[in-house]
Amino acid sequence: MQQHLDHCLGCMACEAMCPSNVAYGRLLDNAQVMLADDKTNPRKLLRMILNQASHDNGFNRYAKPLRWYRKSGLQSLAGAVLRLAGNTPMVRANDILGIAQTTMLKNFYPASKKNVLGEVALFAGCMGSGFDGETLSSSIQVLTHLGYNLHIPSTQYCCGALHQHHGQPQQAQLLAQQNQSAFGNLPVSHIIHTSNGCGARLAQSNMPVPVIDILSFLLSSPALASTEFWPLDEKALLHESCSSLHKLRLAGVIQQALKMIPQLQIIDIPGPRICCGAGSSHQLLFPELADKLLQLKTDIIKAAQPKYLLSDNLGCSLHFRSGLKKAGIEVKVIHPVTLLAQQLG
């Protein structure tokens, strides 16, 4: 049973399609709680790492160390040594550390226009500035350009999604309470997220104001229609994450937002909409299985030869970047909001 549960990717396609509305996600999470004390559980080490990574607040704590780790040459050296043992979870983790995009965040970014449209907050989470810096910087650029004052409280914590899915519901609930407190005293109308894996968890966390993904918020803004974007005559393949399709039901949002960029060709990755293999922590725990699923996507990407691959989920993006780099396929893997920021007039 443990093996069967571990090989579930948590994509929730079954729950989205079930005519009887069976709550498979809750059943899977409860099963992991029951098996949490099993000494052979492969998630045991991951839970220990999660507890260390998400307890101490401060969203900038990983940005500088990760940047130094890559530039010092230690990441390359560690990768060479670890590969002697084969394609292990440690090899995959080191590969991901090598492609992380870092940035240092401030607590407040003022609107770039005199007429302020509103006050909003951005959820960076525990790993945002260390792993998803480009997306966060792009979100800040677009939101302030449209006329929003942007708050990023440094006391925010991990969303708790991985804790919830790995047999630690109490810790996930504690993190939710800490985030409620971090955002609760801010004069904001919305909490905006850029990774829909985190967004799916935040949506269940009873936050003090509505939680919304960055693209849906932009589409709801009265300023977007009057914002000018430079034309881009390029081809972009679109990967809509499982969390977007099945948990948040955001199918079509990316396409609608990117219609703002003239001449851009948006193409859905052909074939069945199956998980790319990232599957929350699946790419770390079972890299060989994750790579087999990713191969189904990379073969299509190689044949299509796009300039960009667009994904709205950090875990998926890291998985794609790692796989494409190893396959020698040169495609820029970015969040759709980064393309919007790039083409701002």
Protein backbone atom coordinates (compact mmCIF):
# COMPACT_ATOMS: atom_id res chain seq x y z
CA MET A 1 0.00 0.00 0.00
CA GLN A 2 2.86 2.38 0.78
CA GLN A 3 4.31 1.87 -2.69
CA HIS A 4 0.92 2.42 -4.31
CA LEU A 5 0.41 5.69 -2.41
CA ASP A 6 3.94 6.92 -3.09
CA HIS A 7 3.48 6.48 -6.82
CA CYS A 8 0.34 8.58 -6.84
CA LEU A 9 1.31 11.97 -8.27
CA GLY A 10 -1.44 13.84 -6.43
CA CYS A 11 -2.63 15.43 -9.66
CA MET A 12 -6.27 15.07 -8.53
CA ALA A 13 -7.53 14.34 -12.05
CA CYS A 14 -9.49 11.49 -10.47
CA GLU A 15 -11.17 13.83 -7.99
CA ALA A 16 -11.98 16.39 -10.67
CA MET A 17 -13.61 13.75 -12.87
CA CYS A 18 -15.34 11.60 -10.23
CA PRO A 19 -19.14 11.73 -10.73
CA SER A 20 -19.66 10.87 -7.05
CA ASN A 21 -17.40 13.68 -5.79
CA VAL A 22 -15.16 11.33 -3.81
CA ALA A 23 -12.58 13.39 -1.88
CA TYR A 24 -9.55 11.39 -3.00
CA GLY A 25 -7.12 14.10 -1.92
CA ARG A 26 -8.31 13.96 1.67
CA LEU A 27 -8.21 10.14 1.64
CA LEU A 28 -4.63 10.14 0.36
CA ASP A 29 -3.53 12.70 2.95
CA ASN A 30 -5.15 10.70 5.76
CA ALA A 31 -3.43 7.53 4.58
CA GLN A 32 -0.04 9.26 4.74
CA VAL A 33 -0.80 10.25 8.34
CA MET A 34 -1.48 6.60 9.19
CA LEU A 35 1.81 5.52 7.60
CA ALA A 36 3.91 8.41 8.90
CA ASP A 37 5.65 6.35 11.61
CA ASP A 38 6.65 3.53 9.26
CA LYS A 39 10.46 3.38 9.35
CA THR A 40 10.60 2.34 5.68
CA ASN A 41 8.52 5.32 4.54
CA PRO A 42 10.62 7.16 1.90
CA ARG A 43 9.00 10.45 2.91
CA LYS A 44 10.52 10.36 6.40
CA LEU A 45 13.71 12.21 5.42
CA LEU A 46 11.73 14.68 3.33
CA ARG A 47 9.53 15.54 6.33
CA MET A 48 12.63 16.27 8.40
CA ILE A 49 13.97 18.61 5.70
CA LEU A 50 10.58 20.30 5.38
CA ASN A 51 10.45 20.99 9.09
CA GLN A 52 13.85 22.68 8.97
CA ALA A 53 13.13 24.63 5.80
CA SER A 54 9.75 26.07 6.71
CA HIS A 55 9.83 26.86 10.42
CA ASP A 56 12.02 29.95 10.50
CA ASN A 57 10.31 32.95 8.91
CA GLY A 58 11.99 35.31 6.49
CA PHE A 59 11.50 34.82 2.77
CA ASN A 60 15.07 35.92 1.87
CA ARG A 61 16.90 33.36 3.96
CA TYR A 62 17.78 31.01 1.06
CA ALA A 63 18.50 33.50 -1.71
CA LYS A 64 22.08 34.48 -0.79
CA PRO A 65 23.28 30.98 0.21
CA LEU A 66 21.91 29.44 -2.99
CA ARG A 67 23.52 32.11 -5.14
CA TRP A 68 26.88 31.51 -3.45
CA TYR A 69 26.50 27.72 -3.71
CA ARG A 70 26.17 27.92 -7.49
CA LYS A 71 28.79 30.60 -8.19
CA SER A 72 31.42 29.06 -5.91
CA GLY A 73 31.53 25.87 -7.97
CA LEU A 74 30.36 23.69 -5.08
CA GLN A 75 27.12 22.81 -6.87
CA SER A 76 29.01 21.41 -9.89
CA LEU A 77 31.47 19.54 -7.68
CA ALA A 78 28.70 18.06 -5.53
CA GLY A 79 26.81 16.99 -8.66
CA ALA A 80 29.83 15.12 -10.03
CA VAL A 81 30.38 13.29 -6.73
CA LEU A 82 26.69 12.44 -6.18
CA ARG A 83 26.29 11.03 -9.71
CA LEU A 84 28.77 8.28 -8.86
CA ALA A 85 25.91 6.67 -6.91
CA GLY A 86 23.47 6.89 -9.84
CA ASN A 87 20.29 8.89 -10.39
CA THR A 88 19.37 9.29 -6.73
CA PRO A 89 17.05 11.80 -5.02
CA MET A 90 20.17 13.68 -3.84
CA VAL A 91 21.32 14.10 -7.45
CA ARG A 92 17.94 15.52 -8.41
CA ALA A 93 17.89 17.87 -5.43
CA ASN A 94 21.35 19.18 -6.33
CA ASP A 95 20.30 19.69 -9.97
CA ILE A 96 17.33 21.76 -8.82
CA LEU A 97 19.55 23.86 -6.56
CA GLY A 98 21.71 24.60 -9.58
CA ILE A 99 18.85 26.04 -11.66
CA ALA A 100 17.12 28.00 -8.90
CA GLN A 101 16.49 31.66 -9.73
CA THR A 102 17.14 33.88 -6.73
CA THR A 103 16.13 37.41 -5.82
CA MET A 104 16.07 39.57 -2.71
CA LEU A 105 12.64 40.90 -1.80
CA LYS A 106 11.57 44.04 0.04
CA ASN A 107 8.51 44.37 2.24
CA PHE A 108 6.85 47.07 0.14
CA TYR A 109 6.83 48.18 -3.50
CA PRO A 110 4.91 51.38 -4.31
CA ALA A 111 2.78 51.77 -7.42
CA SER A 112 4.61 53.43 -10.30
CA LYS A 113 1.56 55.58 -11.10
CA LYS A 114 0.17 58.51 -9.15
CA ASN A 115 -3.35 57.12 -9.32
CA VAL A 116 -3.13 54.09 -7.04
CA LEU A 117 -5.69 51.42 -7.93
CA GLY A 118 -5.39 49.51 -4.67
CA GLU A 119 -3.31 47.69 -2.10
CA VAL A 120 -2.46 44.00 -2.60
CA ALA A 121 -0.12 41.44 -1.05
CA LEU A 122 2.16 38.88 -2.69
CA PHE A 123 2.72 35.39 -1.32
CA ALA A 124 6.36 34.40 -1.78
CA GLY A 125 6.32 31.45 0.60
CA CYS A 126 9.35 29.77 2.10
CA MET A 127 11.22 29.13 -1.16
CA GLY A 128 10.04 31.90 -3.50
CA SER A 129 13.03 34.25 -3.33
CA GLY A 130 15.43 31.32 -3.44
CA PHE A 131 13.89 29.34 -6.30
CA ASP A 132 11.41 31.52 -8.19
CA GLY A 133 12.99 34.95 -8.17
CA GLU A 134 12.30 35.75 -11.83
CA THR A 135 8.56 35.11 -11.46
CA LEU A 136 8.28 37.17 -8.29
CA SER A 137 10.25 40.06 -9.80
CA SER A 138 8.03 39.97 -12.89
CA SER A 139 4.88 39.99 -10.76
CA ILE A 140 6.16 43.00 -8.83
CA GLN A 141 6.96 44.81 -12.08
CA VAL A 142 3.54 44.21 -13.64
CA LEU A 143 1.48 44.93 -10.52
CA THR A 144 3.24 48.21 -9.71
CA HIS A 145 3.11 49.23 -13.38
CA LEU A 146 -0.66 48.78 -13.36
CA GLY A 147 -0.94 50.98 -10.28
CA TYR A 148 -0.96 48.73 -7.23
CA ASN A 149 0.92 49.18 -3.97
CA LEU A 150 2.40 45.79 -3.18
CA HIS A 151 3.04 44.35 0.29
CA ILE A 152 5.24 41.27 0.90
CA PRO A 153 5.28 40.56 4.64
CA SER A 154 8.58 39.05 5.78
CA THR A 155 6.74 37.09 8.47
CA GLN A 156 4.99 34.84 5.96
CA TYR A 157 5.78 31.14 6.11
CA CYS A 158 5.61 28.07 3.89
CA CYS A 159 2.08 27.40 2.58
CA GLY A 160 2.13 23.93 4.18
CA ALA A 161 1.13 21.98 1.06
CA LEU A 162 3.96 19.46 1.27
CA HIS A 163 3.38 18.99 5.00
CA GLN A 164 -0.30 18.29 4.33
CA HIS A 165 0.54 15.71 1.66
CA HIS A 166 3.30 14.00 3.64
CA GLY A 167 1.51 13.07 6.84
CA GLN A 168 1.89 16.30 8.86
CA PRO A 169 -1.56 17.94 8.92
CA GLN A 170 -0.95 19.58 12.31
CA GLN A 171 2.16 21.31 10.98
CA ALA A 172 0.28 22.38 7.86
CA GLN A 173 -2.44 23.90 10.04
CA LEU A 174 0.14 25.72 12.18
CA LEU A 175 1.72 27.22 9.07
CA ALA A 176 -1.72 28.32 7.86
CA GLN A 177 -2.32 30.10 11.16
CA GLN A 178 1.05 31.84 10.95
CA ASN A 179 0.26 33.05 7.44
CA GLN A 180 -3.17 34.26 8.55
CA SER A 181 -1.39 36.37 11.15
CA ALA A 182 1.28 37.62 8.70
CA PHE A 183 -1.28 38.89 6.19
CA GLY A 184 -4.10 39.69 8.60
CA ASN A 185 -2.97 43.20 9.58
CA LEU A 186 -2.23 44.43 6.07
CA PRO A 187 -4.57 46.95 4.36
CA VAL A 188 -4.93 44.76 1.24
CA SER A 189 -7.84 43.52 -0.87
CA HIS A 190 -6.20 40.32 -2.16
CA ILE A 191 -3.35 37.90 -1.53
CA ILE A 192 -1.77 37.07 -4.88
CA HIS A 193 0.22 33.90 -5.53
CA THR A 194 2.45 32.99 -8.47
CA SER A 195 2.74 29.21 -7.97
CA ASN A 196 -0.55 27.38 -8.17
CA GLY A 197 0.75 24.52 -6.05
CA CYS A 198 0.96 26.96 -3.14
CA GLY A 199 -2.26 28.63 -4.26
CA ALA A 200 -4.24 25.42 -3.97
CA ARG A 201 -3.16 25.09 -0.35
CA LEU A 202 -3.73 28.77 0.47
CA ALA A 203 -7.26 28.49 -0.90
CA GLN A 204 -7.97 25.97 1.89
CA SER A 205 -6.29 28.01 4.64
CA ASN A 206 -9.02 30.51 5.58
CA MET A 207 -6.88 33.54 4.77
CA PRO A 208 -8.16 36.97 5.92
CA VAL A 209 -8.79 38.26 2.35
CA PRO A 210 -9.41 36.48 -0.98
CA VAL A 211 -6.52 34.47 -2.42
CA ILE A 212 -6.05 34.65 -6.19
CA ASP A 213 -3.47 33.66 -8.79
CA ILE A 214 -1.52 36.44 -10.48
CA LEU A 215 -3.04 36.00 -13.95
CA SER A 216 -6.65 35.92 -12.73
CA PHE A 217 -6.00 39.07 -10.74
CA LEU A 218 -4.50 40.84 -13.74
CA LEU A 219 -7.51 39.87 -15.86
CA SER A 220 -9.81 41.36 -13.22
CA SER A 221 -7.90 44.65 -13.12
CA PRO A 222 -9.49 47.61 -14.94
CA ALA A 223 -6.00 48.79 -15.90
CA LEU A 224 -5.01 45.74 -17.95
CA ALA A 225 -7.15 46.56 -21.00
CA SER A 226 -5.48 49.96 -21.37
CA THR A 227 -1.95 48.64 -20.81
CA GLU A 228 0.26 48.43 -23.89
CA PHE A 229 2.37 45.35 -24.59
CA TRP A 230 5.01 45.09 -27.30
CA PRO A 231 4.34 42.52 -30.06
CA LEU A 232 6.22 39.22 -29.87
CA ASP A 233 6.37 37.07 -32.99
CA GLU A 234 7.40 33.86 -31.25
CA LYS A 235 6.01 30.41 -30.49
CA ALA A 236 5.29 29.44 -26.88
CA LEU A 237 4.21 25.99 -25.69
CA LEU A 238 1.82 26.02 -22.76
CA HIS A 239 1.91 23.62 -19.82
CA GLU A 240 -1.09 24.04 -17.53
CA SER A 241 -0.21 22.38 -14.22
CA CYS A 242 -2.36 19.74 -12.55
CA SER A 243 -2.96 22.06 -9.61
CA SER A 244 -4.31 24.71 -11.98
CA LEU A 245 -6.53 22.35 -13.95
CA HIS A 246 -7.86 20.05 -11.25
CA LYS A 247 -7.55 21.88 -7.94
CA LEU A 248 -8.07 25.55 -8.81
CA ARG A 249 -10.05 24.95 -12.06
CA LEU A 250 -8.15 27.68 -13.95
CA ALA A 251 -8.18 26.12 -17.42
CA GLY A 252 -7.87 28.79 -20.09
CA VAL A 253 -6.71 31.61 -17.82
CA ILE A 254 -3.17 31.67 -19.18
CA GLN A 255 -4.37 31.82 -22.79
CA GLN A 256 -6.74 34.66 -21.97
CA ALA A 257 -4.05 36.71 -20.22
CA LEU A 258 -1.48 36.25 -22.98
CA LYS A 259 -3.88 37.52 -25.64
CA MET A 260 -2.63 40.92 -24.47
CA ILE A 261 0.67 40.27 -26.31
CA PRO A 262 0.21 40.84 -30.08
CA GLN A 263 1.53 38.19 -32.51
CA LEU A 264 2.39 35.67 -29.79
CA GLN A 265 1.60 32.08 -30.81
CA ILE A 266 0.31 30.06 -27.83
CA ILE A 267 0.18 26.30 -28.40
CA ASP A 268 -0.99 23.72 -25.85
CA ILE A 269 1.39 20.78 -25.48
CA PRO A 270 -0.29 18.12 -27.68
CA GLY A 271 -1.44 14.81 -26.27
CA PRO A 272 -3.22 13.81 -23.05
CA ARG A 273 -3.08 16.20 -20.11
CA ILE A 274 -1.11 13.97 -17.78
CA CYS A 275 1.25 15.06 -15.02
CA CYS A 276 4.74 16.10 -16.12
CA GLY A 277 6.16 13.91 -13.36
CA ALA A 278 7.00 16.65 -10.85
CA GLY A 279 3.98 15.68 -8.74
CA SER A 280 4.74 17.76 -5.64
CA SER A 281 7.81 15.97 -4.25
CA HIS A 282 7.61 13.03 -6.66
CA GLN A 283 10.56 14.32 -8.71
CA LEU A 284 12.73 14.24 -5.59
CA LEU A 285 11.59 10.92 -4.16
CA PHE A 286 11.33 8.95 -7.39
CA PRO A 287 13.46 10.73 -10.03
CA GLU A 288 13.56 7.81 -12.48
CA LEU A 289 9.76 7.52 -12.59
CA ALA A 290 9.41 11.29 -12.79
CA ASP A 291 11.83 11.41 -15.73
CA LYS A 292 9.85 8.80 -17.66
CA LEU A 293 6.75 10.99 -17.48
CA LEU A 294 8.76 14.08 -18.36
CA GLN A 295 10.19 12.32 -21.42
CA LEU A 296 6.68 12.24 -22.90
CA LYS A 297 6.67 16.05 -22.75
CA THR A 298 10.28 16.75 -23.74
CA ASP A 299 9.96 14.71 -26.95
CA ILE A 300 7.06 16.96 -27.98
CA ILE A 301 8.91 20.11 -26.96
CA LYS A 302 11.99 19.11 -28.97
CA ALA A 303 9.90 18.50 -32.08
CA ALA A 304 7.96 21.78 -31.71
CA GLN A 305 11.09 23.93 -31.21
CA PRO A 306 9.37 26.74 -29.32
CA LYS A 307 11.11 29.82 -27.97
CA TYR A 308 9.32 29.50 -24.61
CA LEU A 309 7.71 26.88 -22.41
CA LEU A 310 5.19 28.48 -20.09
CA SER A 311 4.22 26.94 -16.75
CA ASP A 312 2.32 28.36 -13.77
CA ASN A 313 3.72 25.98 -11.15
CA LEU A 314 7.19 26.26 -9.58
CA GLY A 315 7.64 22.50 -9.10
CA CYS A 316 6.75 21.81 -12.74
CA SER A 317 9.06 24.58 -13.96
CA LEU A 318 12.03 23.25 -11.99
CA HIS A 319 11.34 19.73 -13.30
CA PHE A 320 11.15 20.96 -16.90
CA ARG A 321 14.31 23.07 -16.61
CA SER A 322 16.29 20.18 -15.19
CA GLY A 323 15.04 17.71 -17.82
CA LEU A 324 15.47 20.03 -20.79
CA LYS A 325 18.97 20.99 -19.68
CA LYS A 326 20.02 17.34 -19.45
CA ALA A 327 18.48 16.65 -22.86
CA GLY A 328 20.32 19.60 -24.41
CA ILE A 329 17.07 21.28 -25.49
CA GLU A 330 17.33 25.07 -25.43
CA VAL A 331 13.91 26.39 -24.42
CA LYS A 332 13.25 29.18 -21.91
CA VAL A 333 10.99 27.85 -19.15
CA ILE A 334 9.18 30.77 -17.56
CA HIS A 335 5.96 31.72 -15.83
CA PRO A 336 3.44 33.48 -18.14
CA VAL A 337 3.65 36.65 -16.02
CA THR A 338 7.35 36.89 -16.88
CA LEU A 339 6.42 37.10 -20.56
CA LEU A 340 3.91 39.86 -19.77
CA ALA A 341 6.54 41.78 -17.82
CA GLN A 342 9.06 41.34 -20.64
CA GLN A 343 6.66 42.82 -23.19
CA LEU A 344 5.37 45.76 -21.14
CA GLY A 345 5.22 48.89 -23.29
